[in-house]
Amino acid sequence: MGSPHVGEIEAVSVTEVWSRLSGDANSVLVDVRTSAEWSYVGVPDLSSLGKQPILVEWQTFPGGIANDDFAAQLGATLAQSGVAKDAEIFFICRSGVRSKRAAGAIMEAGYMHCRNVADGFEGPLDPSRHRGRAGGWKAAGLPWVQS
């Protein structure tokens, strides 16, 4: 069997992600947005689950340049955190595009159950061209914090 393809990454709704994170102590959430997004837009708050999101940029800030060390950085963090290669790993970004690519990269590194968080943290643009209202983590009313 060849390497998995990004197209094979399952998209999971934010409410289903919350349910799975709640029900599986070994599951983790990886936020691949930029440090600026974490600081200014917020991050998922998993403290009520006794967890915290793993933060590794898929693209660097500023400039949006691809983080060529992403797989190595995240792989080291997952190993250090004791995350097994068969654990369910959910990837989130702003709207679901970067996270799908990141999930594919980690799947190619040997992690078997990589999922994309559908609509991401802020979701798609609404009719007024604002994010955070039409879908995603924030719009679903899931816990989040801002620094």
N, C-alpha and C. Protein backbone atom coordinates (compact mmCIF):
# COMPACT_ATOMS: atom_id res chain seq x y z
N MET A 1 0.85 -1.18 0.00
CA MET A 1 0.00 0.00 0.00
C MET A 1 0.89 1.24 0.00
N GLY A 2 0.57 2.23 -0.82
CA GLY A 2 1.36 3.45 -0.92
C GLY A 2 1.05 4.43 0.19
N SER A 3 1.70 5.57 0.13
CA SER A 3 1.46 6.62 1.10
C SER A 3 0.04 7.14 0.96
N PRO A 4 -0.57 7.55 2.08
CA PRO A 4 -1.90 8.12 1.99
C PRO A 4 -1.87 9.45 1.25
N HIS A 5 -2.98 9.81 0.67
CA HIS A 5 -3.08 11.07 -0.04
C HIS A 5 -3.92 12.04 0.79
N VAL A 6 -3.66 13.32 0.63
CA VAL A 6 -4.39 14.32 1.38
C VAL A 6 -5.88 14.19 1.16
N GLY A 7 -6.31 13.80 -0.03
CA GLY A 7 -7.72 13.65 -0.32
C GLY A 7 -8.41 12.62 0.55
N GLU A 8 -7.68 11.75 1.21
CA GLU A 8 -8.24 10.71 2.05
C GLU A 8 -8.46 11.15 3.49
N ILE A 9 -8.15 12.39 3.79
CA ILE A 9 -8.31 12.90 5.15
C ILE A 9 -9.79 13.14 5.43
N GLU A 10 -10.29 12.51 6.47
CA GLU A 10 -11.70 12.67 6.84
C GLU A 10 -11.95 14.05 7.44
N ALA A 11 -12.99 14.71 6.99
CA ALA A 11 -13.42 15.99 7.58
C ALA A 11 -14.45 15.67 8.66
N VAL A 12 -14.24 16.25 9.84
CA VAL A 12 -15.10 15.99 10.98
C VAL A 12 -15.66 17.33 11.47
N SER A 13 -16.96 17.38 11.75
CA SER A 13 -17.58 18.62 12.23
C SER A 13 -16.99 19.01 13.58
N VAL A 14 -17.04 20.30 13.89
CA VAL A 14 -16.47 20.77 15.15
C VAL A 14 -17.16 20.15 16.36
N THR A 15 -18.47 19.94 16.28
CA THR A 15 -19.16 19.33 17.42
C THR A 15 -18.76 17.87 17.59
N GLU A 16 -18.55 17.17 16.48
CA GLU A 16 -18.08 15.78 16.56
C GLU A 16 -16.65 15.73 17.08
N VAL A 17 -15.81 16.68 16.68
CA VAL A 17 -14.44 16.74 17.20
C VAL A 17 -14.48 16.90 18.72
N TRP A 18 -15.30 17.83 19.20
CA TRP A 18 -15.42 18.05 20.65
C TRP A 18 -15.85 16.75 21.35
N SER A 19 -16.82 16.06 20.77
CA SER A 19 -17.30 14.80 21.34
C SER A 19 -16.18 13.76 21.40
N ARG A 20 -15.44 13.64 20.32
CA ARG A 20 -14.36 12.64 20.28
C ARG A 20 -13.21 13.02 21.21
N LEU A 21 -12.87 14.32 21.28
CA LEU A 21 -11.83 14.75 22.22
C LEU A 21 -12.28 14.48 23.65
N SER A 22 -13.57 14.66 23.91
CA SER A 22 -14.13 14.42 25.25
C SER A 22 -14.11 12.94 25.62
N GLY A 23 -14.40 12.10 24.63
CA GLY A 23 -14.56 10.68 24.89
C GLY A 23 -13.32 9.83 24.77
N ASP A 24 -12.24 10.38 24.25
CA ASP A 24 -11.02 9.60 24.03
C ASP A 24 -9.83 10.35 24.63
N ALA A 25 -9.34 9.85 25.74
CA ALA A 25 -8.23 10.51 26.45
C ALA A 25 -6.98 10.61 25.59
N ASN A 26 -6.84 9.74 24.60
CA ASN A 26 -5.63 9.73 23.77
C ASN A 26 -5.71 10.64 22.55
N SER A 27 -6.89 11.17 22.26
CA SER A 27 -7.06 12.04 21.09
C SER A 27 -6.47 13.41 21.38
N VAL A 28 -6.00 14.07 20.31
CA VAL A 28 -5.40 15.40 20.46
C VAL A 28 -5.88 16.34 19.36
N LEU A 29 -5.78 17.63 19.65
CA LEU A 29 -6.11 18.67 18.68
C LEU A 29 -4.84 19.44 18.38
N VAL A 30 -4.53 19.56 17.08
CA VAL A 30 -3.35 20.30 16.64
C VAL A 30 -3.83 21.53 15.87
N ASP A 31 -3.44 22.70 16.36
CA ASP A 31 -3.80 23.97 15.73
C ASP A 31 -2.62 24.41 14.88
N VAL A 32 -2.81 24.50 13.57
CA VAL A 32 -1.71 24.78 12.63
C VAL A 32 -1.72 26.22 12.12
N ARG A 33 -2.52 27.08 12.75
CA ARG A 33 -2.55 28.47 12.32
C ARG A 33 -1.25 29.17 12.74
N THR A 34 -1.14 30.44 12.44
CA THR A 34 0.07 31.19 12.77
C THR A 34 0.04 31.69 14.21
N SER A 35 1.20 32.05 14.71
CA SER A 35 1.29 32.61 16.07
C SER A 35 0.43 33.86 16.20
N ALA A 36 0.34 34.66 15.15
CA ALA A 36 -0.51 35.86 15.19
C ALA A 36 -1.98 35.47 15.37
N GLU A 37 -2.42 34.44 14.66
CA GLU A 37 -3.81 33.99 14.79
C GLU A 37 -4.08 33.49 16.20
N TRP A 38 -3.15 32.72 16.76
CA TRP A 38 -3.34 32.23 18.13
C TRP A 38 -3.47 33.40 19.10
N SER A 39 -2.62 34.41 18.93
CA SER A 39 -2.62 35.55 19.85
C SER A 39 -3.83 36.45 19.69
N TYR A 40 -4.18 36.77 18.45
CA TYR A 40 -5.19 37.79 18.21
C TYR A 40 -6.59 37.26 17.97
N VAL A 41 -6.72 36.04 17.47
CA VAL A 41 -8.03 35.47 17.16
C VAL A 41 -8.48 34.52 18.26
N GLY A 42 -7.54 33.83 18.91
CA GLY A 42 -7.85 32.91 19.98
C GLY A 42 -7.51 31.48 19.62
N VAL A 43 -7.61 30.61 20.61
CA VAL A 43 -7.35 29.18 20.43
C VAL A 43 -8.44 28.37 21.13
N PRO A 44 -8.69 27.16 20.65
CA PRO A 44 -9.65 26.30 21.33
C PRO A 44 -9.21 26.07 22.79
N ASP A 45 -10.17 26.12 23.68
CA ASP A 45 -9.91 25.90 25.11
C ASP A 45 -10.37 24.49 25.48
N LEU A 46 -9.40 23.61 25.68
CA LEU A 46 -9.70 22.22 26.01
C LEU A 46 -9.50 21.94 27.50
N SER A 47 -9.35 22.98 28.30
CA SER A 47 -9.02 22.80 29.72
C SER A 47 -10.08 21.99 30.46
N SER A 48 -11.35 22.10 30.08
CA SER A 48 -12.39 21.33 30.76
C SER A 48 -12.26 19.84 30.47
N LEU A 49 -11.48 19.50 29.44
CA LEU A 49 -11.23 18.10 29.09
C LEU A 49 -9.91 17.61 29.66
N GLY A 50 -9.20 18.50 30.35
CA GLY A 50 -7.87 18.14 30.88
C GLY A 50 -6.83 18.08 29.78
N LYS A 51 -7.06 18.83 28.70
CA LYS A 51 -6.16 18.81 27.54
C LYS A 51 -5.83 20.24 27.15
N GLN A 52 -4.87 20.35 26.27
CA GLN A 52 -4.58 21.63 25.63
C GLN A 52 -4.22 21.36 24.18
N PRO A 53 -4.54 22.30 23.29
CA PRO A 53 -4.19 22.08 21.88
C PRO A 53 -2.68 22.15 21.70
N ILE A 54 -2.20 21.41 20.72
CA ILE A 54 -0.79 21.48 20.33
C ILE A 54 -0.70 22.53 19.23
N LEU A 55 0.20 23.49 19.40
CA LEU A 55 0.31 24.61 18.47
C LEU A 55 1.60 24.51 17.67
N VAL A 56 1.48 24.26 16.36
CA VAL A 56 2.63 24.22 15.45
C VAL A 56 2.19 24.88 14.15
N GLU A 57 2.89 25.93 13.74
CA GLU A 57 2.52 26.65 12.53
C GLU A 57 2.77 25.83 11.26
N TRP A 58 1.76 25.76 10.40
CA TRP A 58 1.92 25.16 9.06
C TRP A 58 2.65 26.15 8.16
N GLN A 59 2.32 27.41 8.30
CA GLN A 59 2.99 28.50 7.60
C GLN A 59 3.48 29.48 8.66
N THR A 60 4.63 30.07 8.41
CA THR A 60 5.20 30.97 9.40
C THR A 60 4.59 32.36 9.29
N PHE A 61 4.69 33.09 10.39
CA PHE A 61 4.25 34.48 10.42
C PHE A 61 5.44 35.33 10.80
N PRO A 62 5.67 36.45 10.14
CA PRO A 62 4.89 36.98 9.03
C PRO A 62 5.30 36.34 7.70
N GLY A 63 4.57 36.64 6.70
CA GLY A 63 4.93 36.23 5.34
C GLY A 63 4.20 35.03 4.79
N GLY A 64 3.65 34.17 5.64
CA GLY A 64 2.93 33.01 5.15
C GLY A 64 3.78 32.01 4.41
N ILE A 65 5.06 31.94 4.77
CA ILE A 65 5.98 31.01 4.12
C ILE A 65 5.78 29.61 4.73
N ALA A 66 5.77 28.61 3.87
CA ALA A 66 5.60 27.23 4.35
C ALA A 66 6.65 26.88 5.38
N ASN A 67 6.21 26.24 6.45
CA ASN A 67 7.11 25.77 7.49
C ASN A 67 7.67 24.42 7.06
N ASP A 68 8.87 24.42 6.48
CA ASP A 68 9.46 23.19 5.97
C ASP A 68 9.77 22.18 7.07
N ASP A 69 9.80 22.62 8.31
CA ASP A 69 10.09 21.74 9.44
C ASP A 69 8.83 21.28 10.16
N PHE A 70 7.66 21.55 9.58
CA PHE A 70 6.40 21.24 10.25
C PHE A 70 6.33 19.79 10.72
N ALA A 71 6.52 18.84 9.80
CA ALA A 71 6.38 17.42 10.15
C ALA A 71 7.36 17.02 11.25
N ALA A 72 8.59 17.49 11.16
CA ALA A 72 9.59 17.16 12.18
C ALA A 72 9.22 17.80 13.52
N GLN A 73 8.80 19.07 13.49
CA GLN A 73 8.43 19.75 14.73
C GLN A 73 7.24 19.09 15.40
N LEU A 74 6.20 18.84 14.61
CA LEU A 74 5.01 18.22 15.19
C LEU A 74 5.30 16.79 15.62
N GLY A 75 6.02 16.04 14.80
CA GLY A 75 6.37 14.66 15.18
C GLY A 75 7.11 14.61 16.51
N ALA A 76 8.05 15.53 16.71
CA ALA A 76 8.80 15.58 17.98
C ALA A 76 7.88 15.94 19.14
N THR A 77 6.99 16.89 18.91
CA THR A 77 6.05 17.30 19.96
C THR A 77 5.10 16.17 20.31
N LEU A 78 4.59 15.49 19.31
CA LEU A 78 3.69 14.36 19.56
C LEU A 78 4.40 13.25 20.33
N ALA A 79 5.62 12.94 19.92
CA ALA A 79 6.40 11.90 20.61
C ALA A 79 6.67 12.30 22.06
N GLN A 80 7.08 13.55 22.26
CA GLN A 80 7.37 14.05 23.60
C GLN A 80 6.12 14.03 24.48
N SER A 81 4.97 14.23 23.87
CA SER A 81 3.70 14.23 24.60
C SER A 81 3.13 12.82 24.79
N GLY A 82 3.80 11.82 24.23
CA GLY A 82 3.35 10.44 24.36
C GLY A 82 2.18 10.08 23.47
N VAL A 83 2.00 10.82 22.38
CA VAL A 83 0.90 10.54 21.45
C VAL A 83 1.32 9.40 20.53
N ALA A 84 0.57 8.31 20.58
CA ALA A 84 0.88 7.13 19.78
C ALA A 84 0.53 7.37 18.31
N LYS A 85 1.17 6.61 17.43
CA LYS A 85 0.91 6.76 15.99
C LYS A 85 -0.50 6.32 15.61
N ASP A 86 -1.19 5.59 16.50
CA ASP A 86 -2.56 5.19 16.21
C ASP A 86 -3.61 6.05 16.93
N ALA A 87 -3.17 7.13 17.58
CA ALA A 87 -4.12 8.03 18.24
C ALA A 87 -4.88 8.85 17.21
N GLU A 88 -6.07 9.28 17.57
CA GLU A 88 -6.83 10.14 16.68
C GLU A 88 -6.33 11.57 16.87
N ILE A 89 -5.90 12.18 15.75
CA ILE A 89 -5.34 13.53 15.78
C ILE A 89 -6.20 14.41 14.89
N PHE A 90 -6.73 15.48 15.48
CA PHE A 90 -7.56 16.44 14.76
C PHE A 90 -6.74 17.68 14.45
N PHE A 91 -6.82 18.14 13.21
CA PHE A 91 -6.06 19.32 12.76
C PHE A 91 -7.04 20.45 12.48
N ILE A 92 -6.72 21.63 13.01
CA ILE A 92 -7.59 22.79 12.84
C ILE A 92 -6.77 23.98 12.36
N CYS A 93 -7.38 24.78 11.48
CA CYS A 93 -6.81 26.06 11.05
C CYS A 93 -7.96 27.05 11.03
N ARG A 94 -7.87 28.10 10.25
CA ARG A 94 -8.94 29.10 10.21
C ARG A 94 -10.21 28.52 9.60
N SER A 95 -10.07 27.88 8.42
CA SER A 95 -11.27 27.44 7.70
C SER A 95 -11.21 26.00 7.20
N GLY A 96 -10.09 25.31 7.40
CA GLY A 96 -10.00 23.90 7.04
C GLY A 96 -9.08 23.56 5.89
N VAL A 97 -8.43 24.55 5.28
CA VAL A 97 -7.56 24.27 4.12
C VAL A 97 -6.15 23.88 4.57
N ARG A 98 -5.50 24.72 5.36
CA ARG A 98 -4.15 24.41 5.84
C ARG A 98 -4.15 23.14 6.69
N SER A 99 -5.18 22.98 7.50
CA SER A 99 -5.22 21.83 8.40
C SER A 99 -5.33 20.52 7.62
N LYS A 100 -6.02 20.54 6.50
CA LYS A 100 -6.13 19.32 5.68
C LYS A 100 -4.75 18.94 5.12
N ARG A 101 -4.00 19.93 4.67
CA ARG A 101 -2.65 19.66 4.17
C ARG A 101 -1.74 19.17 5.29
N ALA A 102 -1.85 19.80 6.45
CA ALA A 102 -1.02 19.40 7.60
C ALA A 102 -1.35 17.97 8.02
N ALA A 103 -2.63 17.62 8.04
CA ALA A 103 -3.02 16.25 8.39
C ALA A 103 -2.43 15.25 7.41
N GLY A 104 -2.44 15.60 6.13
CA GLY A 104 -1.84 14.72 5.12
C GLY A 104 -0.35 14.53 5.33
N ALA A 105 0.34 15.61 5.69
CA ALA A 105 1.79 15.53 5.92
C ALA A 105 2.11 14.62 7.10
N ILE A 106 1.32 14.70 8.14
CA ILE A 106 1.57 13.88 9.33
C ILE A 106 1.14 12.44 9.09
N MET A 107 0.11 12.26 8.29
CA MET A 107 -0.29 10.91 7.93
C MET A 107 0.83 10.23 7.15
N GLU A 108 1.46 10.98 6.25
CA GLU A 108 2.59 10.44 5.50
C GLU A 108 3.78 10.14 6.40
N ALA A 109 3.84 10.78 7.57
CA ALA A 109 4.91 10.52 8.54
C ALA A 109 4.59 9.31 9.42
N GLY A 110 3.44 8.65 9.17
CA GLY A 110 3.15 7.41 9.88
C GLY A 110 2.03 7.45 10.90
N TYR A 111 1.43 8.60 11.11
CA TYR A 111 0.29 8.68 12.02
C TYR A 111 -0.95 8.25 11.26
N MET A 112 -1.73 7.33 11.84
CA MET A 112 -2.76 6.64 11.09
C MET A 112 -4.14 7.28 11.08
N HIS A 113 -4.47 8.05 12.10
CA HIS A 113 -5.85 8.55 12.23
C HIS A 113 -5.87 10.07 12.31
N CYS A 114 -5.51 10.69 11.21
CA CYS A 114 -5.46 12.15 11.11
C CYS A 114 -6.77 12.65 10.51
N ARG A 115 -7.39 13.61 11.17
CA ARG A 115 -8.68 14.15 10.75
C ARG A 115 -8.58 15.66 10.57
N ASN A 116 -9.37 16.19 9.65
CA ASN A 116 -9.45 17.62 9.43
C ASN A 116 -10.70 18.16 10.11
N VAL A 117 -10.56 19.25 10.86
CA VAL A 117 -11.71 19.88 11.50
C VAL A 117 -12.43 20.72 10.44
N ALA A 118 -13.61 20.24 10.04
CA ALA A 118 -14.40 20.93 9.01
C ALA A 118 -14.75 22.34 9.46
N ASP A 119 -14.55 23.30 8.59
CA ASP A 119 -14.82 24.72 8.82
C ASP A 119 -13.84 25.38 9.78
N GLY A 120 -12.93 24.62 10.37
CA GLY A 120 -11.87 25.21 11.18
C GLY A 120 -12.34 26.01 12.38
N PHE A 121 -11.49 26.94 12.80
CA PHE A 121 -11.75 27.74 13.99
C PHE A 121 -12.75 28.86 13.72
N GLU A 122 -12.64 29.50 12.55
CA GLU A 122 -13.48 30.65 12.24
C GLU A 122 -14.53 30.39 11.16
N GLY A 123 -14.39 29.31 10.41
CA GLY A 123 -15.37 28.97 9.40
C GLY A 123 -15.31 29.84 8.16
N PRO A 124 -16.29 29.65 7.26
CA PRO A 124 -16.31 30.40 6.01
C PRO A 124 -16.79 31.84 6.23
N LEU A 125 -16.64 32.64 5.22
CA LEU A 125 -17.17 34.00 5.25
C LEU A 125 -18.70 33.97 5.23
N ASP A 126 -19.31 34.84 6.02
CA ASP A 126 -20.76 34.96 5.98
C ASP A 126 -21.14 35.97 4.88
N PRO A 127 -22.41 36.24 4.66
CA PRO A 127 -22.79 37.19 3.60
C PRO A 127 -22.18 38.59 3.77
N SER A 128 -21.83 38.96 5.00
CA SER A 128 -21.19 40.26 5.25
C SER A 128 -19.67 40.18 5.16
N ARG A 129 -19.16 39.03 4.75
CA ARG A 129 -17.73 38.76 4.60
C ARG A 129 -16.99 38.78 5.94
N HIS A 130 -17.64 38.26 6.98
CA HIS A 130 -17.03 38.10 8.29
C HIS A 130 -16.92 36.62 8.61
N ARG A 131 -15.87 36.27 9.30
CA ARG A 131 -15.70 34.88 9.74
C ARG A 131 -16.15 34.75 11.21
N GLY A 132 -16.36 33.51 11.62
CA GLY A 132 -16.71 33.24 13.01
C GLY A 132 -18.20 33.22 13.29
N ARG A 133 -19.01 33.38 12.25
CA ARG A 133 -20.46 33.40 12.44
C ARG A 133 -21.18 32.31 11.65
N ALA A 134 -20.63 31.93 10.49
CA ALA A 134 -21.32 31.00 9.59
C ALA A 134 -20.92 29.55 9.82
N GLY A 135 -19.90 29.30 10.59
CA GLY A 135 -19.46 27.93 10.82
C GLY A 135 -18.15 27.93 11.57
N GLY A 136 -17.72 26.76 11.96
CA GLY A 136 -16.45 26.63 12.66
C GLY A 136 -16.60 26.57 14.18
N TRP A 137 -15.47 26.44 14.84
CA TRP A 137 -15.38 26.27 16.29
C TRP A 137 -16.09 27.39 17.04
N LYS A 138 -15.77 28.63 16.69
CA LYS A 138 -16.36 29.79 17.39
C LYS A 138 -17.88 29.85 17.19
N ALA A 139 -18.33 29.71 15.96
CA ALA A 139 -19.76 29.80 15.66
C ALA A 139 -20.57 28.71 16.35
N ALA A 140 -19.93 27.57 16.60
CA ALA A 140 -20.61 26.45 17.27
C ALA A 140 -20.71 26.68 18.78
N GLY A 141 -20.06 27.74 19.27
CA GLY A 141 -20.11 28.04 20.69
C GLY A 141 -19.21 27.15 21.54
N LEU A 142 -18.22 26.52 20.90
CA LEU A 142 -17.29 25.69 21.66
C LEU A 142 -16.30 26.59 22.40
N PRO A 143 -15.73 26.11 23.51
CA PRO A 143 -14.86 26.95 24.32
C PRO A 143 -13.59 27.38 23.59
N TRP A 144 -13.22 28.65 23.81
CA TRP A 144 -12.00 29.18 23.25
C TRP A 144 -11.53 30.32 24.13
N VAL A 145 -10.25 30.62 24.03
CA VAL A 145 -9.66 31.71 24.82
C VAL A 145 -8.83 32.59 23.90
N GLN A 146 -8.64 33.80 24.36
CA GLN A 146 -7.85 34.78 23.62
C GLN A 146 -6.82 35.36 24.57
N SER A 147 -5.60 35.59 24.07
CA SER A 147 -4.58 36.14 24.96
C SER A 147 -4.48 37.64 24.82
